[in-house]
Amino acid sequence: AEPVADYARKGGLAEDTLGRRCLCNGLTATVGLGQERDNGLEPPIVTSGDDLLALGRVVASWGEVRAENVVSYLMG
């Protein structure tokens, strides 16, 4: 995501920017370092990669999502 005017100047359509946001800013906000915006702090975003269906099954087996579960799962 970038300022709409910059995106349009490069050939993008302004209407394609509706509902879009910066992934980097969203991930930074996820760890508590969101940028201050006119309407408050940048909201966090969490990504699941390319295996969303598997993620649902894994999380359901945990009972609750906790950082230690995520790290344990990622470490195999």
C-alpha atoms as a PDB file:
ATOM      1  CA  ALA A   1       0.000   0.000   0.000  1.00  0.00           C
ATOM      2  CA  GLU A   2       1.144   3.503  -0.784  1.00  0.00           C
ATOM      3  CA  PRO A   3      -0.509   6.902  -1.096  1.00  0.00           C
ATOM      4  CA  VAL A   4      -3.340   6.682  -3.642  1.00  0.00           C
ATOM      5  CA  ALA A   5      -1.904   9.504  -5.764  1.00  0.00           C
ATOM      6  CA  ASP A   6       1.423   7.653  -6.083  1.00  0.00           C
ATOM      7  CA  TYR A   7      -0.310   4.404  -7.000  1.00  0.00           C
ATOM      8  CA  ALA A   8      -2.469   6.129  -9.623  1.00  0.00           C
ATOM      9  CA  ARG A   9       0.519   7.977 -11.096  1.00  0.00           C
ATOM     10  CA  LYS A  10       2.137   4.592 -11.733  1.00  0.00           C
ATOM     11  CA  GLY A  11      -0.934   3.399 -13.634  1.00  0.00           C
ATOM     12  CA  GLY A  12      -2.993   1.856 -10.835  1.00  0.00           C
ATOM     13  CA  LEU A  13      -6.692   2.513 -10.395  1.00  0.00           C
ATOM     14  CA  ALA A  14      -7.668   4.541  -7.328  1.00  0.00           C
ATOM     15  CA  GLU A  15     -10.710   2.292  -6.744  1.00  0.00           C
ATOM     16  CA  ASP A  16      -8.359  -0.697  -6.377  1.00  0.00           C
ATOM     17  CA  THR A  17      -6.970   0.880  -3.211  1.00  0.00           C
ATOM     18  CA  LEU A  18     -10.260   0.746  -1.283  1.00  0.00           C
ATOM     19  CA  GLY A  19      -9.931  -1.530   1.733  1.00  0.00           C
ATOM     20  CA  ARG A  20      -6.196  -2.021   1.183  1.00  0.00           C
ATOM     21  CA  ARG A  21      -3.475  -1.321   3.693  1.00  0.00           C
ATOM     22  CA  CYS A  22       0.230  -1.707   4.203  1.00  0.00           C
ATOM     23  CA  LEU A  23       1.251  -5.228   5.213  1.00  0.00           C
ATOM     24  CA  CYS A  24       4.492  -4.021   6.821  1.00  0.00           C
ATOM     25  CA  ASN A  25       2.681  -1.469   8.985  1.00  0.00           C
ATOM     26  CA  GLY A  26       0.056  -4.042   9.979  1.00  0.00           C
ATOM     27  CA  LEU A  27       2.658  -6.617  10.995  1.00  0.00           C
ATOM     28  CA  THR A  28       4.609  -4.003  12.939  1.00  0.00           C
ATOM     29  CA  ALA A  29       1.385  -3.052  14.731  1.00  0.00           C
ATOM     30  CA  THR A  30       0.898  -6.715  15.644  1.00  0.00           C
ATOM     31  CA  VAL A  31       3.957  -6.534  17.905  1.00  0.00           C
ATOM     32  CA  GLY A  32       2.747  -3.310  19.514  1.00  0.00           C
ATOM     33  CA  LEU A  33       4.595  -0.836  17.306  1.00  0.00           C
ATOM     34  CA  GLY A  34       1.723   0.497  15.214  1.00  0.00           C
ATOM     35  CA  GLN A  35       2.007   3.944  13.657  1.00  0.00           C
ATOM     36  CA  GLU A  36      -0.134   6.755  15.035  1.00  0.00           C
ATOM     37  CA  ARG A  37      -2.838   7.696  12.500  1.00  0.00           C
ATOM     38  CA  ASP A  38      -5.421  10.484  12.426  1.00  0.00           C
ATOM     39  CA  ASN A  39      -8.034   7.940  13.543  1.00  0.00           C
ATOM     40  CA  GLY A  40      -5.858   6.182  16.143  1.00  0.00           C
ATOM     41  CA  LEU A  41      -3.189   3.506  16.028  1.00  0.00           C
ATOM     42  CA  GLU A  42      -2.559   1.445  12.917  1.00  0.00           C
ATOM     43  CA  PRO A  43      -4.549  -1.787  13.426  1.00  0.00           C
ATOM     44  CA  PRO A  44      -2.644  -5.082  13.636  1.00  0.00           C
ATOM     45  CA  ILE A  45      -2.827  -7.789  10.997  1.00  0.00           C
ATOM     46  CA  VAL A  46      -2.026 -11.487  11.237  1.00  0.00           C
ATOM     47  CA  THR A  47      -1.272 -13.618   8.203  1.00  0.00           C
ATOM     48  CA  SER A  48      -1.655 -17.369   7.772  1.00  0.00           C
ATOM     49  CA  GLY A  49       0.511 -17.952   4.743  1.00  0.00           C
ATOM     50  CA  ASP A  50      -0.854 -20.207   2.028  1.00  0.00           C
ATOM     51  CA  ASP A  51      -2.386 -22.957   4.155  1.00  0.00           C
ATOM     52  CA  LEU A  52      -5.427 -21.368   5.788  1.00  0.00           C
ATOM     53  CA  LEU A  53      -7.423 -24.623   5.991  1.00  0.00           C
ATOM     54  CA  ALA A  54      -4.647 -26.453   7.848  1.00  0.00           C
ATOM     55  CA  LEU A  55      -4.316 -23.515  10.229  1.00  0.00           C
ATOM     56  CA  GLY A  56      -7.959 -23.883  11.268  1.00  0.00           C
ATOM     57  CA  ARG A  57      -7.498 -27.569  12.114  1.00  0.00           C
ATOM     58  CA  VAL A  58      -4.321 -26.909  14.080  1.00  0.00           C
ATOM     59  CA  VAL A  59      -5.794 -24.036  16.095  1.00  0.00           C
ATOM     60  CA  ALA A  60      -8.941 -26.052  16.840  1.00  0.00           C
ATOM     61  CA  SER A  61      -6.799 -28.790  18.379  1.00  0.00           C
ATOM     62  CA  TRP A  62      -5.117 -26.320  20.755  1.00  0.00           C
ATOM     63  CA  GLY A  63      -8.240 -25.196  22.587  1.00  0.00           C
ATOM     64  CA  GLU A  64      -6.833 -21.666  22.798  1.00  0.00           C
ATOM     65  CA  VAL A  65      -4.274 -19.745  20.786  1.00  0.00           C
ATOM     66  CA  ARG A  66      -1.188 -19.009  22.836  1.00  0.00           C
ATOM     67  CA  ALA A  67       2.260 -17.919  21.704  1.00  0.00           C
ATOM     68  CA  GLU A  68       3.823 -21.062  23.153  1.00  0.00           C
ATOM     69  CA  ASN A  69       1.489 -23.216  21.007  1.00  0.00           C
ATOM     70  CA  VAL A  70       2.430 -21.315  17.869  1.00  0.00           C
ATOM     71  CA  VAL A  71       6.163 -21.545  18.570  1.00  0.00           C
ATOM     72  CA  SER A  72       5.910 -25.236  19.407  1.00  0.00           C
ATOM     73  CA  TYR A  73       3.987 -25.891  16.187  1.00  0.00           C
ATOM     74  CA  LEU A  74       6.487 -23.932  14.093  1.00  0.00           C
ATOM     75  CA  MET A  75       9.446 -25.685  15.672  1.00  0.00           C
ATOM     76  CA  GLY A  76       7.882 -29.016  14.706  1.00  0.00           C
END
